[in-house]
Amino acid sequence: MSPSHNFEEMYLVLYGASATNKYHGAKYDVIKRWFEECKIIDNVAVTERFFEITYSRVRVNKEDLTQSQFVIFLCLLAREARKDIDEFFTKFHCIKDMIIEEIRRNPRCDSNKKSEYNT
């Protein structure tokens, strides 16, 4: 699997978990939640504060990340923590199916719902 595919897959899963009626990318809280769950935020090399500071280098006010911003963020996080980015992909891969299952159980986007105005 190519590194760009890993970036894309990770982003698309987090983007899907971020879905609301109005969303423009992967949300800060969603990324943080799942990075804690899979131990990318391990409170050793990557602490919550370190995560927050690194995120703010890409999006100052915790705004949603586009795919290209997510790639930049993840690369910065790995470089500054002196971690191999493949370690992040491996950790995330362990919880990917759990995230997808949660998305399936709790759809947040109403785009597929029939509008009450369409009669």
C-alpha atoms as a PDB file:
ATOM      1  CA  MET A   1       0.000   0.000   0.000  1.00  0.00           C
ATOM      2  CA  SER A   2       1.489   3.335  -1.005  1.00  0.00           C
ATOM      3  CA  PRO A   3       1.948   6.116   1.564  1.00  0.00           C
ATOM      4  CA  SER A   4      -0.421   8.423  -0.324  1.00  0.00           C
ATOM      5  CA  HIS A   5      -3.091   5.720  -0.133  1.00  0.00           C
ATOM      6  CA  ASN A   6      -2.584   5.524   3.649  1.00  0.00           C
ATOM      7  CA  PHE A   7      -3.038   9.293   3.957  1.00  0.00           C
ATOM      8  CA  GLU A   8      -6.147   9.218   1.811  1.00  0.00           C
ATOM      9  CA  GLU A   9      -7.705   6.261   3.598  1.00  0.00           C
ATOM     10  CA  MET A  10      -7.055   7.732   7.052  1.00  0.00           C
ATOM     11  CA  TYR A  11      -8.442  11.108   6.007  1.00  0.00           C
ATOM     12  CA  LEU A  12     -11.570   9.690   4.374  1.00  0.00           C
ATOM     13  CA  VAL A  13     -12.444   7.643   7.453  1.00  0.00           C
ATOM     14  CA  LEU A  14     -11.991  10.663   9.744  1.00  0.00           C
ATOM     15  CA  TYR A  15     -13.880  12.860   7.280  1.00  0.00           C
ATOM     16  CA  GLY A  16     -16.762  10.390   7.304  1.00  0.00           C
ATOM     17  CA  ALA A  17     -16.754  10.344  11.107  1.00  0.00           C
ATOM     18  CA  SER A  18     -16.894  14.157  11.054  1.00  0.00           C
ATOM     19  CA  ALA A  19     -20.049  14.282   8.945  1.00  0.00           C
ATOM     20  CA  THR A  20     -22.814  16.668   9.922  1.00  0.00           C
ATOM     21  CA  ASN A  21     -25.290  18.592   7.812  1.00  0.00           C
ATOM     22  CA  LYS A  22     -22.591  21.165   7.114  1.00  0.00           C
ATOM     23  CA  TYR A  23     -19.015  19.967   7.099  1.00  0.00           C
ATOM     24  CA  HIS A  24     -15.988  20.951   5.156  1.00  0.00           C
ATOM     25  CA  GLY A  25     -13.359  18.509   6.293  1.00  0.00           C
ATOM     26  CA  ALA A  26     -12.156  16.347   9.150  1.00  0.00           C
ATOM     27  CA  LYS A  27     -13.027  17.927  12.494  1.00  0.00           C
ATOM     28  CA  TYR A  28     -10.487  18.630  15.248  1.00  0.00           C
ATOM     29  CA  ASP A  29     -12.495  16.812  17.948  1.00  0.00           C
ATOM     30  CA  VAL A  30     -12.976  13.730  15.767  1.00  0.00           C
ATOM     31  CA  ILE A  31      -9.292  13.503  14.835  1.00  0.00           C
ATOM     32  CA  LYS A  32      -8.262  13.992  18.461  1.00  0.00           C
ATOM     33  CA  ARG A  33     -10.742  11.399  19.758  1.00  0.00           C
ATOM     34  CA  TRP A  34      -9.605   8.672  17.398  1.00  0.00           C
ATOM     35  CA  PHE A  35      -5.906   9.531  17.698  1.00  0.00           C
ATOM     36  CA  GLU A  36      -6.283   9.082  21.467  1.00  0.00           C
ATOM     37  CA  GLU A  37      -8.170   5.823  20.953  1.00  0.00           C
ATOM     38  CA  CYS A  38      -5.464   4.297  18.748  1.00  0.00           C
ATOM     39  CA  LYS A  39      -2.630   5.740  20.855  1.00  0.00           C
ATOM     40  CA  ILE A  40      -1.159   8.086  18.262  1.00  0.00           C
ATOM     41  CA  ILE A  41      -1.689  10.527  21.127  1.00  0.00           C
ATOM     42  CA  ASP A  42       0.267   8.393  23.570  1.00  0.00           C
ATOM     43  CA  ASN A  43       1.059  11.073  26.193  1.00  0.00           C
ATOM     44  CA  VAL A  44       4.744  10.294  25.747  1.00  0.00           C
ATOM     45  CA  ALA A  45       5.964  11.440  22.328  1.00  0.00           C
ATOM     46  CA  VAL A  46       2.597  12.936  21.356  1.00  0.00           C
ATOM     47  CA  THR A  47       0.734  14.597  24.217  1.00  0.00           C
ATOM     48  CA  GLU A  48      -2.647  16.327  23.963  1.00  0.00           C
ATOM     49  CA  ARG A  49      -0.897  19.699  24.147  1.00  0.00           C
ATOM     50  CA  PHE A  50       1.614  18.675  21.471  1.00  0.00           C
ATOM     51  CA  PHE A  51      -1.277  17.556  19.258  1.00  0.00           C
ATOM     52  CA  GLU A  52      -3.063  20.887  19.804  1.00  0.00           C
ATOM     53  CA  ILE A  53       0.033  22.988  19.063  1.00  0.00           C
ATOM     54  CA  THR A  54       0.837  21.002  15.920  1.00  0.00           C
ATOM     55  CA  TYR A  55      -2.777  21.229  14.725  1.00  0.00           C
ATOM     56  CA  SER A  56      -2.760  25.006  15.271  1.00  0.00           C
ATOM     57  CA  ARG A  57       0.232  25.305  12.940  1.00  0.00           C
ATOM     58  CA  VAL A  58      -2.060  24.127  10.134  1.00  0.00           C
ATOM     59  CA  ARG A  59      -5.455  25.521  11.270  1.00  0.00           C
ATOM     60  CA  VAL A  60      -5.250  28.252  13.910  1.00  0.00           C
ATOM     61  CA  ASN A  61      -8.771  28.049  15.351  1.00  0.00           C
ATOM     62  CA  LYS A  62      -9.251  24.269  15.195  1.00  0.00           C
ATOM     63  CA  GLU A  63     -11.119  24.570  11.913  1.00  0.00           C
ATOM     64  CA  ASP A  64     -11.813  21.462   9.844  1.00  0.00           C
ATOM     65  CA  LEU A  65      -8.900  20.062   7.838  1.00  0.00           C
ATOM     66  CA  THR A  66      -9.016  19.495   4.109  1.00  0.00           C
ATOM     67  CA  GLN A  67      -7.215  16.419   2.834  1.00  0.00           C
ATOM     68  CA  SER A  68      -4.065  18.360   1.910  1.00  0.00           C
ATOM     69  CA  GLN A  69      -4.050  20.106   5.303  1.00  0.00           C
ATOM     70  CA  PHE A  70      -4.462  16.735   7.006  1.00  0.00           C
ATOM     71  CA  VAL A  71      -1.406  15.384   5.166  1.00  0.00           C
ATOM     72  CA  ILE A  72       0.617  18.426   6.268  1.00  0.00           C
ATOM     73  CA  PHE A  73      -0.630  18.052   9.856  1.00  0.00           C
ATOM     74  CA  LEU A  74       0.188  14.344  10.037  1.00  0.00           C
ATOM     75  CA  CYS A  75       3.667  14.876   8.560  1.00  0.00           C
ATOM     76  CA  LEU A  76       4.363  17.697  11.034  1.00  0.00           C
ATOM     77  CA  LEU A  77       3.129  15.567  13.919  1.00  0.00           C
ATOM     78  CA  ALA A  78       5.379  12.657  12.938  1.00  0.00           C
ATOM     79  CA  ARG A  79       8.413  14.830  12.250  1.00  0.00           C
ATOM     80  CA  GLU A  80       8.151  16.889  15.430  1.00  0.00           C
ATOM     81  CA  ALA A  81       7.509  13.778  17.559  1.00  0.00           C
ATOM     82  CA  ARG A  82      10.374  11.995  15.794  1.00  0.00           C
ATOM     83  CA  LYS A  83       8.080   9.132  14.846  1.00  0.00           C
ATOM     84  CA  ASP A  84       7.926   7.100  11.656  1.00  0.00           C
ATOM     85  CA  ILE A  85       4.669   7.999   9.944  1.00  0.00           C
ATOM     86  CA  ASP A  86       4.087   4.314   9.170  1.00  0.00           C
ATOM     87  CA  GLU A  87       3.695   3.802  12.926  1.00  0.00           C
ATOM     88  CA  PHE A  88       0.747   6.220  12.839  1.00  0.00           C
ATOM     89  CA  PHE A  89      -0.792   4.358   9.897  1.00  0.00           C
ATOM     90  CA  THR A  90      -0.388   1.016  11.697  1.00  0.00           C
ATOM     91  CA  LYS A  91      -1.986   2.315  14.886  1.00  0.00           C
ATOM     92  CA  PHE A  92      -4.867   3.895  12.986  1.00  0.00           C
ATOM     93  CA  HIS A  93      -5.436   0.760  10.920  1.00  0.00           C
ATOM     94  CA  CYS A  94      -6.181  -1.127  14.163  1.00  0.00           C
ATOM     95  CA  ILE A  95      -9.251   1.053  14.838  1.00  0.00           C
ATOM     96  CA  LYS A  96     -10.351   1.883  11.296  1.00  0.00           C
ATOM     97  CA  ASP A  97     -13.063  -0.783  11.210  1.00  0.00           C
ATOM     98  CA  MET A  98     -14.390   0.369  14.588  1.00  0.00           C
ATOM     99  CA  ILE A  99     -14.740   3.939  13.275  1.00  0.00           C
ATOM    100  CA  ILE A 100     -16.479   2.751  10.114  1.00  0.00           C
ATOM    101  CA  GLU A 101     -18.874   0.644  12.185  1.00  0.00           C
ATOM    102  CA  GLU A 102     -19.677   3.647  14.374  1.00  0.00           C
ATOM    103  CA  ILE A 103     -20.383   5.731  11.268  1.00  0.00           C
ATOM    104  CA  ARG A 104     -22.761   3.022  10.023  1.00  0.00           C
ATOM    105  CA  ARG A 105     -24.588   2.786  13.355  1.00  0.00           C
ATOM    106  CA  ASN A 106     -24.835   6.545  13.889  1.00  0.00           C
ATOM    107  CA  PRO A 107     -25.241   8.319  10.557  1.00  0.00           C
ATOM    108  CA  ARG A 108     -24.902  12.049  11.159  1.00  0.00           C
ATOM    109  CA  CYS A 109     -25.538  13.322   7.680  1.00  0.00           C
ATOM    110  CA  ASP A 110     -29.152  13.801   6.668  1.00  0.00           C
ATOM    111  CA  SER A 111     -28.372  14.141   2.972  1.00  0.00           C
ATOM    112  CA  ASN A 112     -29.941  10.749   2.214  1.00  0.00           C
ATOM    113  CA  LYS A 113     -33.064  11.530   4.212  1.00  0.00           C
ATOM    114  CA  LYS A 114     -36.147  12.457   2.226  1.00  0.00           C
ATOM    115  CA  SER A 115     -37.064  16.072   2.770  1.00  0.00           C
ATOM    116  CA  GLU A 116     -40.483  16.825   4.215  1.00  0.00           C
ATOM    117  CA  TYR A 117     -40.820  19.411   1.444  1.00  0.00           C
ATOM    118  CA  ASN A 118     -40.491  16.810  -1.317  1.00  0.00           C
ATOM    119  CA  THR A 119     -44.037  15.512  -1.508  1.00  0.00           C
END
